[in-house]
N, C-alpha and C. Protein backbone atom coordinates (compact mmCIF):
# COMPACT_ATOMS: atom_id res chain seq x y z
N MET A 1 30.29 -72.35 212.75
CA MET A 1 30.76 -72.24 214.11
C MET A 1 30.10 -73.10 215.03
N GLN A 2 28.79 -73.43 214.78
CA GLN A 2 28.15 -74.48 215.59
C GLN A 2 28.70 -75.91 215.52
N THR A 3 29.00 -76.12 214.18
CA THR A 3 29.69 -77.37 213.95
C THR A 3 31.06 -77.47 214.49
N GLU A 4 31.77 -76.42 214.39
CA GLU A 4 33.18 -76.44 215.02
C GLU A 4 32.94 -76.66 216.52
N GLU A 5 32.02 -75.84 217.13
CA GLU A 5 31.83 -76.07 218.64
C GLU A 5 31.50 -77.44 218.95
N SER A 6 30.49 -78.13 218.14
CA SER A 6 30.26 -79.56 218.42
C SER A 6 31.30 -80.47 218.29
N ASP A 7 32.13 -80.23 217.18
CA ASP A 7 33.42 -81.00 216.78
C ASP A 7 34.28 -80.92 218.07
N THR A 8 34.50 -79.74 218.58
CA THR A 8 35.40 -79.55 219.71
C THR A 8 34.89 -80.19 220.94
N ALA A 9 33.47 -80.21 221.12
CA ALA A 9 32.89 -80.89 222.29
C ALA A 9 33.05 -82.31 222.14
N ARG A 10 33.17 -82.91 221.08
CA ARG A 10 33.42 -84.33 220.88
C ARG A 10 34.90 -84.48 221.20
N GLU A 11 35.62 -83.83 220.70
CA GLU A 11 37.10 -83.79 220.89
C GLU A 11 37.45 -83.73 222.36
N GLN A 12 36.86 -82.80 223.08
CA GLN A 12 36.97 -82.69 224.56
C GLN A 12 36.59 -83.90 225.20
N THR A 13 35.41 -84.38 224.88
CA THR A 13 34.91 -85.66 225.59
C THR A 13 35.88 -86.78 225.41
N LYS A 14 36.51 -86.94 224.19
CA LYS A 14 37.37 -88.08 223.89
C LYS A 14 38.62 -87.71 224.79
N ALA A 15 39.12 -86.67 224.85
CA ALA A 15 40.46 -86.39 225.62
C ALA A 15 40.23 -86.55 227.07
N GLU A 16 38.89 -86.20 227.59
CA GLU A 16 38.68 -86.30 229.04
C GLU A 16 38.55 -87.92 229.23
N GLN A 17 38.02 -88.70 228.29
CA GLN A 17 37.99 -90.11 228.53
C GLN A 17 39.42 -90.74 228.49
N ASP A 18 40.19 -90.21 227.65
CA ASP A 18 41.59 -90.64 227.73
C ASP A 18 42.22 -90.48 228.96
N VAL A 19 42.04 -89.21 229.52
CA VAL A 19 42.67 -88.86 230.89
C VAL A 19 42.13 -89.77 231.89
N ASP A 20 40.73 -90.04 231.88
CA ASP A 20 40.14 -90.98 232.87
C ASP A 20 40.63 -92.26 232.67
N GLN A 21 41.05 -92.88 231.62
CA GLN A 21 41.66 -94.25 231.43
C GLN A 21 42.92 -94.32 231.98
N VAL A 22 43.87 -93.19 231.66
CA VAL A 22 45.20 -93.20 232.23
C VAL A 22 45.08 -93.18 233.73
N ARG A 23 44.34 -92.26 234.17
CA ARG A 23 44.11 -91.97 235.67
C ARG A 23 43.72 -93.33 236.40
N GLN A 24 42.67 -94.12 235.85
CA GLN A 24 42.28 -95.41 236.43
C GLN A 24 43.44 -96.38 236.49
N ARG A 25 44.19 -96.42 235.18
CA ARG A 25 45.21 -97.39 235.11
C ARG A 25 46.29 -96.98 236.21
N ALA A 26 46.58 -95.77 236.27
CA ALA A 26 47.59 -95.12 237.39
C ALA A 26 47.14 -95.60 238.73
N VAL A 27 45.86 -95.50 239.03
CA VAL A 27 45.27 -95.80 240.39
C VAL A 27 45.47 -97.30 240.65
N ARG A 28 45.12 -98.09 239.49
CA ARG A 28 45.08 -99.46 239.71
C ARG A 28 46.54 -100.02 239.88
N ASP A 29 47.56 -99.34 239.11
CA ASP A 29 48.99 -99.79 239.46
C ASP A 29 49.52 -99.41 240.70
N GLN A 30 49.03 -98.19 241.30
CA GLN A 30 49.46 -97.82 242.40
C GLN A 30 48.80 -98.71 243.52
N GLN A 31 47.72 -99.14 243.42
CA GLN A 31 46.97 -100.06 244.50
C GLN A 31 47.91 -101.40 244.40
N ARG A 32 48.28 -101.85 243.25
CA ARG A 32 49.03 -103.08 243.11
C ARG A 32 50.31 -102.87 243.83
N LEU A 33 50.91 -101.75 243.67
CA LEU A 33 52.25 -101.40 244.25
C LEU A 33 51.99 -101.31 245.84
N ASP A 34 50.94 -100.65 246.37
CA ASP A 34 50.67 -100.50 247.70
C ASP A 34 50.39 -101.81 248.45
N SER A 35 49.65 -102.58 247.72
CA SER A 35 49.20 -103.84 248.36
C SER A 35 50.29 -104.82 248.63
N GLY A 36 51.41 -104.62 248.10
CA GLY A 36 52.45 -105.59 248.18
C GLY A 36 52.42 -106.88 247.45
N ALA A 37 51.50 -107.07 246.48
CA ALA A 37 51.18 -108.12 245.62
C ALA A 37 52.46 -108.53 244.74
N VAL A 38 53.09 -107.44 244.42
CA VAL A 38 54.27 -107.68 243.53
C VAL A 38 55.48 -107.65 244.50
N SER A 39 56.26 -108.88 244.33
CA SER A 39 57.36 -108.94 245.19
C SER A 39 58.70 -108.94 244.51
N SER A 40 58.59 -109.28 243.23
CA SER A 40 59.90 -109.24 242.38
C SER A 40 60.42 -107.81 242.22
N PRO A 41 61.69 -107.56 242.58
CA PRO A 41 62.13 -106.15 242.49
C PRO A 41 62.10 -105.69 241.05
N LYS A 42 62.36 -106.62 240.13
CA LYS A 42 62.12 -106.13 238.65
C LYS A 42 60.79 -105.62 238.37
N ASP A 43 59.92 -106.53 238.83
CA ASP A 43 58.43 -106.07 238.58
C ASP A 43 58.04 -104.76 239.26
N LEU A 44 58.57 -104.60 240.62
CA LEU A 44 58.35 -103.38 241.21
C LEU A 44 59.04 -102.09 240.48
N GLU A 45 60.18 -102.34 239.98
CA GLU A 45 60.73 -101.25 239.12
C GLU A 45 60.06 -100.84 237.99
N ASN A 46 59.56 -102.04 237.31
CA ASN A 46 58.62 -101.82 236.04
C ASN A 46 57.36 -101.01 236.48
N LEU A 47 56.75 -101.38 237.50
CA LEU A 47 55.63 -100.85 237.94
C LEU A 47 55.73 -99.34 238.33
N GLN A 48 56.87 -99.01 238.91
CA GLN A 48 57.03 -97.70 239.35
C GLN A 48 57.41 -96.83 238.14
N ARG A 49 58.08 -97.39 237.26
CA ARG A 49 58.42 -96.73 235.87
C ARG A 49 57.10 -96.36 235.14
N GLU A 50 56.17 -97.47 235.20
CA GLU A 50 54.92 -97.19 234.49
C GLU A 50 54.03 -96.26 235.17
N ILE A 51 54.12 -96.12 236.42
CA ILE A 51 53.29 -95.14 237.28
C ILE A 51 53.88 -93.77 236.88
N VAL A 52 55.17 -93.59 236.76
CA VAL A 52 55.77 -92.31 236.38
C VAL A 52 55.32 -91.95 234.97
N SER A 53 55.43 -92.86 234.03
CA SER A 53 55.07 -92.76 232.80
C SER A 53 53.57 -92.35 232.49
N LEU A 54 52.76 -93.10 233.34
CA LEU A 54 51.31 -92.78 233.27
C LEU A 54 51.05 -91.30 233.78
N ALA A 55 51.68 -90.83 234.83
CA ALA A 55 51.61 -89.50 235.37
C ALA A 55 52.00 -88.48 234.44
N LYS A 56 53.16 -88.78 233.52
CA LYS A 56 53.46 -87.78 232.46
C LYS A 56 52.45 -87.76 231.42
N ARG A 57 51.96 -89.04 231.01
CA ARG A 57 50.87 -89.13 229.96
C ARG A 57 49.74 -88.46 230.34
N GLN A 58 49.32 -88.51 231.55
CA GLN A 58 48.04 -87.91 232.15
C GLN A 58 48.15 -86.38 232.18
N GLY A 59 49.34 -85.80 232.34
CA GLY A 59 49.64 -84.55 232.25
C GLY A 59 49.59 -83.90 231.02
N ASP A 60 50.31 -84.65 229.97
CA ASP A 60 50.07 -84.37 228.56
C ASP A 60 48.54 -84.24 228.06
N LEU A 61 47.81 -85.28 228.40
CA LEU A 61 46.55 -85.36 228.09
C LEU A 61 45.64 -84.30 228.69
N GLU A 62 45.95 -83.85 229.96
CA GLU A 62 45.33 -82.74 230.65
C GLU A 62 45.58 -81.40 229.93
N ASP A 63 46.62 -81.29 229.47
CA ASP A 63 47.10 -80.23 228.55
C ASP A 63 46.36 -80.01 227.24
N ILE A 64 46.05 -81.12 226.71
CA ILE A 64 45.30 -81.37 225.57
C ILE A 64 43.87 -80.92 225.79
N VAL A 65 43.32 -81.52 226.92
CA VAL A 65 41.95 -81.18 227.28
C VAL A 65 41.79 -79.64 227.52
N LEU A 66 42.78 -79.05 228.22
CA LEU A 66 42.70 -77.57 228.37
C LEU A 66 42.81 -76.75 227.10
N GLU A 67 43.52 -77.19 226.08
CA GLU A 67 43.60 -76.70 224.83
C GLU A 67 42.35 -76.72 223.99
N VAL A 68 41.75 -77.95 224.09
CA VAL A 68 40.49 -78.24 223.45
C VAL A 68 39.34 -77.26 224.12
N MET A 69 39.41 -77.22 225.40
CA MET A 69 38.40 -76.50 226.14
C MET A 69 38.48 -75.08 225.67
N GLU A 70 39.57 -74.59 225.53
CA GLU A 70 39.93 -73.07 225.11
C GLU A 70 39.42 -72.89 223.69
N ARG A 71 39.63 -73.87 222.86
CA ARG A 71 39.11 -73.85 221.37
C ARG A 71 37.65 -73.93 221.42
N ARG A 72 37.06 -74.70 222.20
CA ARG A 72 35.57 -74.99 222.36
C ARG A 72 34.96 -73.54 222.87
N GLU A 73 35.60 -73.02 223.81
CA GLU A 73 34.98 -71.81 224.40
C GLU A 73 35.09 -70.61 223.38
N SER A 74 36.16 -70.63 222.63
CA SER A 74 36.11 -69.61 221.53
C SER A 74 35.11 -69.80 220.63
N ALA A 75 34.88 -71.11 219.98
CA ALA A 75 34.00 -71.47 219.12
C ALA A 75 32.58 -71.01 219.54
N GLN A 76 32.37 -71.23 220.96
CA GLN A 76 30.98 -70.96 221.50
C GLN A 76 30.84 -69.57 221.50
N GLU A 77 31.85 -68.71 221.93
CA GLU A 77 31.53 -67.25 221.79
C GLU A 77 31.31 -66.85 220.38
N ARG A 78 32.09 -67.35 219.51
CA ARG A 78 31.88 -66.92 218.05
C ARG A 78 30.55 -67.32 217.62
N ALA A 79 30.09 -68.52 217.79
CA ALA A 79 28.81 -68.87 217.43
C ALA A 79 27.73 -68.02 218.04
N ALA A 80 27.90 -67.80 219.36
CA ALA A 80 26.85 -66.79 219.91
C ALA A 80 26.85 -65.46 219.34
N GLU A 81 28.04 -64.91 219.03
CA GLU A 81 28.15 -63.63 218.24
C GLU A 81 27.49 -63.75 216.90
N LEU A 82 27.81 -64.92 216.15
CA LEU A 82 27.19 -65.02 214.82
C LEU A 82 25.62 -65.15 214.86
N THR A 83 25.30 -66.00 215.81
CA THR A 83 23.92 -66.02 216.10
C THR A 83 23.23 -64.70 216.42
N GLU A 84 23.75 -63.99 217.23
CA GLU A 84 23.08 -62.63 217.45
C GLU A 84 23.10 -61.90 216.09
N ARG A 85 24.08 -61.91 215.26
CA ARG A 85 24.05 -61.10 214.08
C ARG A 85 23.03 -61.68 213.04
N VAL A 86 22.89 -63.03 213.05
CA VAL A 86 21.90 -63.65 212.26
C VAL A 86 20.49 -63.15 212.78
N SER A 87 20.32 -63.21 213.87
CA SER A 87 19.02 -62.70 214.55
C SER A 87 18.66 -61.30 214.27
N SER A 88 19.78 -60.36 214.27
CA SER A 88 19.67 -58.94 213.78
C SER A 88 19.22 -58.86 212.36
N VAL A 89 19.92 -59.64 211.68
CA VAL A 89 19.60 -59.60 210.14
C VAL A 89 18.30 -60.14 209.78
N GLU A 90 17.88 -61.22 210.60
CA GLU A 90 16.49 -61.81 210.44
C GLU A 90 15.37 -60.68 210.73
N ALA A 91 15.67 -59.91 211.84
CA ALA A 91 14.78 -58.95 212.27
C ALA A 91 14.74 -57.88 211.23
N LYS A 92 15.96 -57.37 210.59
CA LYS A 92 15.83 -56.37 209.68
C LYS A 92 15.13 -56.89 208.38
N THR A 93 15.27 -58.09 207.99
CA THR A 93 14.60 -58.81 206.84
C THR A 93 13.13 -58.83 207.13
N ALA A 94 12.57 -59.22 208.37
CA ALA A 94 11.30 -59.27 208.66
C ALA A 94 10.75 -57.80 208.50
N ASP A 95 11.39 -56.79 209.00
CA ASP A 95 11.00 -55.49 208.96
C ASP A 95 10.87 -55.01 207.48
N ALA A 96 11.78 -55.31 206.68
CA ALA A 96 11.80 -54.87 205.38
C ALA A 96 10.65 -55.61 204.55
N THR A 97 10.45 -56.87 204.77
CA THR A 97 9.44 -57.72 204.28
C THR A 97 8.08 -56.97 204.61
N SER A 98 7.97 -56.70 205.89
CA SER A 98 6.63 -56.01 206.33
C SER A 98 6.33 -54.75 205.70
N ARG A 99 7.38 -53.91 205.54
CA ARG A 99 7.22 -52.71 204.82
C ARG A 99 7.03 -52.88 203.37
N ARG A 100 7.59 -53.74 202.72
CA ARG A 100 7.38 -54.04 201.21
C ARG A 100 5.91 -54.49 201.14
N ASP A 101 5.45 -55.48 202.03
CA ASP A 101 4.13 -55.93 201.89
C ASP A 101 3.11 -54.93 202.10
N ALA A 102 3.39 -53.92 203.08
CA ALA A 102 2.49 -52.78 203.30
C ALA A 102 2.41 -51.93 201.99
N ALA A 103 3.60 -51.64 201.43
CA ALA A 103 3.70 -50.71 200.36
C ALA A 103 3.01 -51.51 199.09
N ALA A 104 3.08 -52.72 199.02
CA ALA A 104 2.46 -53.59 197.95
C ALA A 104 0.92 -53.43 198.10
N THR A 105 0.52 -53.58 199.32
CA THR A 105 -0.92 -53.36 199.55
C THR A 105 -1.45 -52.01 199.20
N GLU A 106 -0.70 -51.03 199.44
CA GLU A 106 -1.01 -49.72 199.26
C GLU A 106 -0.93 -49.48 197.65
N LEU A 107 0.09 -50.00 196.98
CA LEU A 107 0.16 -49.91 195.44
C LEU A 107 -1.16 -50.50 194.83
N ASP A 108 -1.48 -51.71 195.42
CA ASP A 108 -2.64 -52.51 194.91
C ASP A 108 -3.87 -51.73 195.01
N ALA A 109 -4.09 -50.92 196.18
CA ALA A 109 -5.18 -50.11 196.37
C ALA A 109 -5.31 -48.90 195.44
N ASP A 110 -3.97 -48.23 195.26
CA ASP A 110 -3.89 -47.25 194.26
C ASP A 110 -4.07 -47.53 192.90
N ILE A 111 -3.87 -48.88 192.54
CA ILE A 111 -4.00 -49.43 191.06
C ILE A 111 -5.51 -49.59 190.98
N ALA A 112 -6.13 -50.19 191.98
CA ALA A 112 -7.58 -50.38 191.93
C ALA A 112 -8.41 -49.03 191.86
N THR A 113 -7.87 -48.01 192.50
CA THR A 113 -8.61 -46.69 192.32
C THR A 113 -8.33 -46.24 191.06
N ALA A 114 -7.12 -46.12 190.60
CA ALA A 114 -6.85 -45.58 189.20
C ALA A 114 -7.51 -46.37 188.18
N THR A 115 -7.63 -47.57 188.08
CA THR A 115 -8.29 -48.49 187.14
C THR A 115 -9.77 -48.05 187.13
N LYS A 116 -10.34 -47.93 188.44
CA LYS A 116 -11.88 -47.52 188.32
C LYS A 116 -12.02 -46.04 187.73
N GLU A 117 -11.13 -45.22 188.28
CA GLU A 117 -11.24 -43.89 187.68
C GLU A 117 -11.00 -43.84 186.02
N ARG A 118 -10.18 -44.71 185.60
CA ARG A 118 -9.77 -44.60 184.22
C ARG A 118 -10.98 -45.35 183.43
N SER A 119 -11.71 -46.23 183.99
CA SER A 119 -12.77 -46.78 183.36
C SER A 119 -13.97 -45.80 183.16
N VAL A 120 -14.06 -44.90 184.19
CA VAL A 120 -15.06 -43.97 184.22
C VAL A 120 -14.59 -42.88 183.09
N VAL A 121 -13.43 -42.45 183.03
CA VAL A 121 -13.03 -41.56 182.05
C VAL A 121 -13.14 -42.23 180.66
N ALA A 122 -12.65 -43.44 180.43
CA ALA A 122 -12.65 -44.14 179.21
C ALA A 122 -13.97 -44.12 178.66
N ALA A 123 -14.99 -44.38 179.47
CA ALA A 123 -16.42 -44.41 178.97
C ALA A 123 -16.83 -43.17 178.35
N SER A 124 -16.29 -42.01 178.60
CA SER A 124 -16.60 -40.69 178.14
C SER A 124 -15.95 -40.26 176.84
N VAL A 125 -14.87 -41.17 176.49
CA VAL A 125 -14.05 -40.80 175.47
C VAL A 125 -14.54 -41.65 174.12
N PRO A 126 -14.56 -40.89 172.98
CA PRO A 126 -15.17 -41.59 171.77
C PRO A 126 -14.24 -42.99 171.53
N ALA A 127 -14.98 -43.85 171.02
CA ALA A 127 -14.39 -45.29 170.81
C ALA A 127 -13.11 -45.14 169.92
N ASP A 128 -13.01 -44.41 168.87
CA ASP A 128 -12.06 -44.40 167.85
C ASP A 128 -10.81 -43.64 168.46
N LEU A 129 -11.09 -42.75 169.35
CA LEU A 129 -9.87 -42.00 169.97
C LEU A 129 -9.35 -42.90 171.00
N LEU A 130 -10.16 -43.69 171.71
CA LEU A 130 -9.69 -44.53 172.84
C LEU A 130 -8.90 -45.69 172.18
N LYS A 131 -9.30 -46.24 171.01
CA LYS A 131 -8.50 -47.28 170.24
C LYS A 131 -7.28 -46.70 169.73
N LEU A 132 -7.21 -45.53 169.36
CA LEU A 132 -5.93 -44.94 168.88
C LEU A 132 -4.90 -44.61 170.15
N TYR A 133 -5.45 -44.17 171.21
CA TYR A 133 -4.66 -44.07 172.49
C TYR A 133 -4.15 -45.47 172.88
N GLU A 134 -4.96 -46.53 173.02
CA GLU A 134 -4.44 -47.88 173.49
C GLU A 134 -3.43 -48.38 172.45
N LYS A 135 -3.56 -48.10 171.14
CA LYS A 135 -2.55 -48.48 170.19
C LYS A 135 -1.11 -47.80 170.31
N LEU A 136 -1.32 -46.44 170.64
CA LEU A 136 -0.11 -45.63 170.85
C LEU A 136 0.47 -46.14 172.41
N ARG A 137 -0.30 -46.33 173.30
CA ARG A 137 0.15 -46.63 174.58
C ARG A 137 0.92 -47.94 174.49
N THR A 138 0.43 -48.74 173.71
CA THR A 138 1.29 -50.13 173.56
C THR A 138 2.53 -49.90 172.85
N GLN A 139 2.44 -49.06 171.96
CA GLN A 139 3.71 -48.84 171.03
C GLN A 139 4.65 -47.88 171.85
N GLN A 140 4.27 -47.20 172.66
CA GLN A 140 5.17 -46.23 173.27
C GLN A 140 5.51 -46.60 174.73
N GLY A 141 5.41 -47.89 175.12
CA GLY A 141 5.84 -48.33 176.46
C GLY A 141 4.88 -47.89 177.60
N GLY A 142 3.52 -47.73 177.29
CA GLY A 142 2.63 -47.30 178.29
C GLY A 142 2.07 -45.90 178.24
N VAL A 143 2.69 -44.93 177.42
CA VAL A 143 2.32 -43.75 177.44
C VAL A 143 1.76 -43.42 176.13
N GLY A 144 0.56 -43.23 175.94
CA GLY A 144 -0.15 -43.01 174.56
C GLY A 144 -0.34 -41.40 174.33
N ALA A 145 -0.31 -40.68 175.41
CA ALA A 145 -0.64 -39.23 175.36
C ALA A 145 0.41 -38.49 176.15
N ALA A 146 0.77 -37.19 175.70
CA ALA A 146 1.64 -36.36 176.52
C ALA A 146 1.24 -35.04 176.53
N ARG A 147 1.45 -34.30 177.51
CA ARG A 147 1.24 -32.90 177.78
C ARG A 147 2.10 -31.98 176.78
N LEU A 148 1.36 -31.13 176.29
CA LEU A 148 2.13 -30.00 175.39
C LEU A 148 2.44 -28.90 176.57
N TYR A 149 3.81 -28.79 176.81
CA TYR A 149 4.03 -27.83 177.86
C TYR A 149 5.09 -26.82 177.41
N GLN A 150 4.75 -25.66 177.27
CA GLN A 150 5.85 -24.53 176.65
C GLN A 150 6.43 -25.02 175.57
N ARG A 151 5.51 -25.42 174.55
CA ARG A 151 5.85 -25.77 173.21
C ARG A 151 6.78 -26.99 173.02
N ARG A 152 6.72 -27.90 174.18
CA ARG A 152 7.59 -29.04 174.18
C ARG A 152 6.65 -30.19 174.54
N CYS A 153 6.85 -31.31 173.81
CA CYS A 153 6.14 -32.58 174.02
C CYS A 153 6.65 -33.22 175.29
N GLU A 154 5.90 -33.49 176.16
CA GLU A 154 6.57 -34.09 177.49
C GLU A 154 6.76 -35.61 177.22
N GLY A 155 6.22 -36.18 176.14
CA GLY A 155 6.48 -37.73 175.80
C GLY A 155 8.01 -37.84 175.34
N CYS A 156 8.29 -37.15 174.31
CA CYS A 156 9.71 -37.27 173.80
C CYS A 156 10.67 -36.24 174.24
N ARG A 157 10.20 -35.14 175.00
CA ARG A 157 10.91 -33.99 175.58
C ARG A 157 11.52 -33.14 174.43
N LEU A 158 10.95 -33.15 173.28
CA LEU A 158 11.38 -32.39 172.19
C LEU A 158 10.49 -31.12 171.93
N GLU A 159 11.12 -30.06 171.55
CA GLU A 159 10.39 -28.74 171.38
C GLU A 159 9.79 -28.91 169.85
N LEU A 160 8.48 -28.47 169.79
CA LEU A 160 7.92 -28.43 168.50
C LEU A 160 8.50 -27.27 167.66
N ASN A 161 8.66 -27.56 166.33
CA ASN A 161 9.19 -26.54 165.41
C ASN A 161 8.12 -25.51 165.14
N ILE A 162 8.41 -24.53 164.55
CA ILE A 162 7.57 -23.33 164.25
C ILE A 162 6.27 -23.81 163.52
N THR A 163 6.51 -24.68 162.48
CA THR A 163 5.36 -25.16 161.65
C THR A 163 4.38 -25.94 162.51
N GLU A 164 4.95 -26.85 163.43
CA GLU A 164 4.01 -27.66 164.26
C GLU A 164 3.25 -26.65 165.30
N VAL A 165 3.93 -25.78 165.84
CA VAL A 165 3.27 -24.74 166.65
C VAL A 165 2.16 -24.09 165.99
N ASN A 166 2.45 -23.56 164.71
CA ASN A 166 1.45 -22.89 163.95
C ASN A 166 0.15 -23.87 163.68
N GLU A 167 0.38 -25.11 163.39
CA GLU A 167 -0.65 -26.10 163.21
C GLU A 167 -1.46 -26.20 164.42
N VAL A 168 -0.83 -26.34 165.61
CA VAL A 168 -1.44 -26.44 167.01
C VAL A 168 -2.44 -25.27 167.15
N LYS A 169 -1.85 -24.07 166.89
CA LYS A 169 -2.58 -22.74 167.13
C LYS A 169 -3.78 -22.77 166.27
N ALA A 170 -3.57 -23.20 164.96
CA ALA A 170 -4.77 -23.19 164.01
C ALA A 170 -5.89 -24.35 164.19
N ALA A 171 -5.58 -25.40 164.97
CA ALA A 171 -6.38 -26.50 165.20
C ALA A 171 -7.51 -26.07 166.15
N SER A 172 -8.66 -26.65 165.86
CA SER A 172 -9.89 -26.36 166.73
C SER A 172 -9.53 -27.20 168.10
N PRO A 173 -10.16 -26.78 169.20
CA PRO A 173 -10.00 -27.35 170.58
C PRO A 173 -10.28 -28.85 170.50
N ASP A 174 -11.25 -29.39 169.79
CA ASP A 174 -11.53 -30.74 169.92
C ASP A 174 -10.87 -31.65 168.73
N THR A 175 -9.91 -30.99 168.05
CA THR A 175 -9.00 -31.79 167.06
C THR A 175 -7.90 -32.56 167.83
N VAL A 176 -7.80 -33.71 167.39
CA VAL A 176 -6.80 -34.76 168.13
C VAL A 176 -5.44 -34.32 167.39
N LEU A 177 -4.51 -33.88 168.20
CA LEU A 177 -3.14 -33.55 167.63
C LEU A 177 -2.20 -34.48 168.03
N ARG A 178 -1.18 -34.78 167.16
CA ARG A 178 -0.13 -35.81 167.57
C ARG A 178 1.21 -35.13 167.39
N CYS A 179 2.14 -35.57 168.30
CA CYS A 179 3.56 -35.05 168.12
C CYS A 179 4.02 -35.76 166.87
N GLU A 180 4.83 -34.96 166.04
CA GLU A 180 5.60 -35.37 164.82
C GLU A 180 6.75 -36.15 165.06
N ASN A 181 7.29 -36.19 166.25
CA ASN A 181 8.38 -37.01 166.72
C ASN A 181 8.21 -38.45 167.30
N CYS A 182 7.36 -38.34 168.25
CA CYS A 182 6.98 -39.61 168.99
C CYS A 182 5.59 -40.14 168.62
N HIS A 183 4.86 -39.30 168.06
CA HIS A 183 3.45 -39.63 167.55
C HIS A 183 2.44 -39.86 168.68
N ARG A 184 2.77 -39.48 169.85
CA ARG A 184 1.75 -39.48 170.92
C ARG A 184 0.82 -38.40 170.61
N ILE A 185 -0.36 -38.60 171.32
CA ILE A 185 -1.46 -37.60 171.29
C ILE A 185 -1.07 -36.35 172.14
N LEU A 186 -1.11 -35.16 171.62
CA LEU A 186 -0.76 -34.02 172.41
C LEU A 186 -1.90 -33.57 173.24
N ILE A 187 -1.61 -33.27 174.44
CA ILE A 187 -2.90 -32.81 175.45
C ILE A 187 -2.31 -31.39 175.50
N ARG A 188 -3.33 -30.44 175.13
CA ARG A 188 -3.20 -28.99 175.27
C ARG A 188 -3.73 -28.48 176.57
N THR A 189 -2.91 -27.63 177.25
CA THR A 189 -3.31 -27.01 178.48
C THR A 189 -3.09 -25.47 178.40
N ALA A 190 -3.35 -24.76 179.49
CA ALA A 190 -3.09 -23.37 179.54
C ALA A 190 -1.56 -23.01 179.58
N ASP A 191 -0.89 -24.06 179.94
CA ASP A 191 0.74 -24.07 179.91
C ASP A 191 1.28 -24.47 178.62
N SER A 192 0.63 -24.75 177.58
CA SER A 192 1.18 -25.20 176.36
C SER A 192 2.05 -24.16 175.68
N GLY A 193 1.95 -22.82 175.88
CA GLY A 193 2.78 -21.91 175.34
C GLY A 193 2.29 -21.67 173.93
N ILE A 194 1.09 -21.89 173.72
CA ILE A 194 0.48 -21.56 172.29
C ILE A 194 -0.31 -20.25 172.36
């Protein structure tokens, strides 16, 4: 729209220059007519005809100037409207970017805290169990252990069959148990349903 507005501005300037040229020529011809410098009746008649023709041409050109001015005004209004909309979108984008950056900063802080807590917990876990957990975590898309909740593995969301339930019941509390379906380490809690 800004390009259209500048194009119509150039078009308006050219049309106004055309009007000025016709107006100047008509004034010059009228001065020649009024000065009496032209004495031949044929030249006088031609000069009068040219003045009438120039007046008509000037009227036509002034109509063109008005039409171009209307188009330019319309383009200016549309450009102003679109500029306002762009400003609104840019403000919304800046706000969203700011919120995203704040959330990313918060997530980075949470990650740092969780990483620190994990390293403290990992230090207290036997090396062979930690190695198994890391291997399973890599294989299972980031989750190497799952809670056993009401006889259901929360890793694969499948309920343990009766044989598996009996094995879990019979196992000592420090035995590492794994889900038969997803192979994750099962974490037993009071809600395990065993």
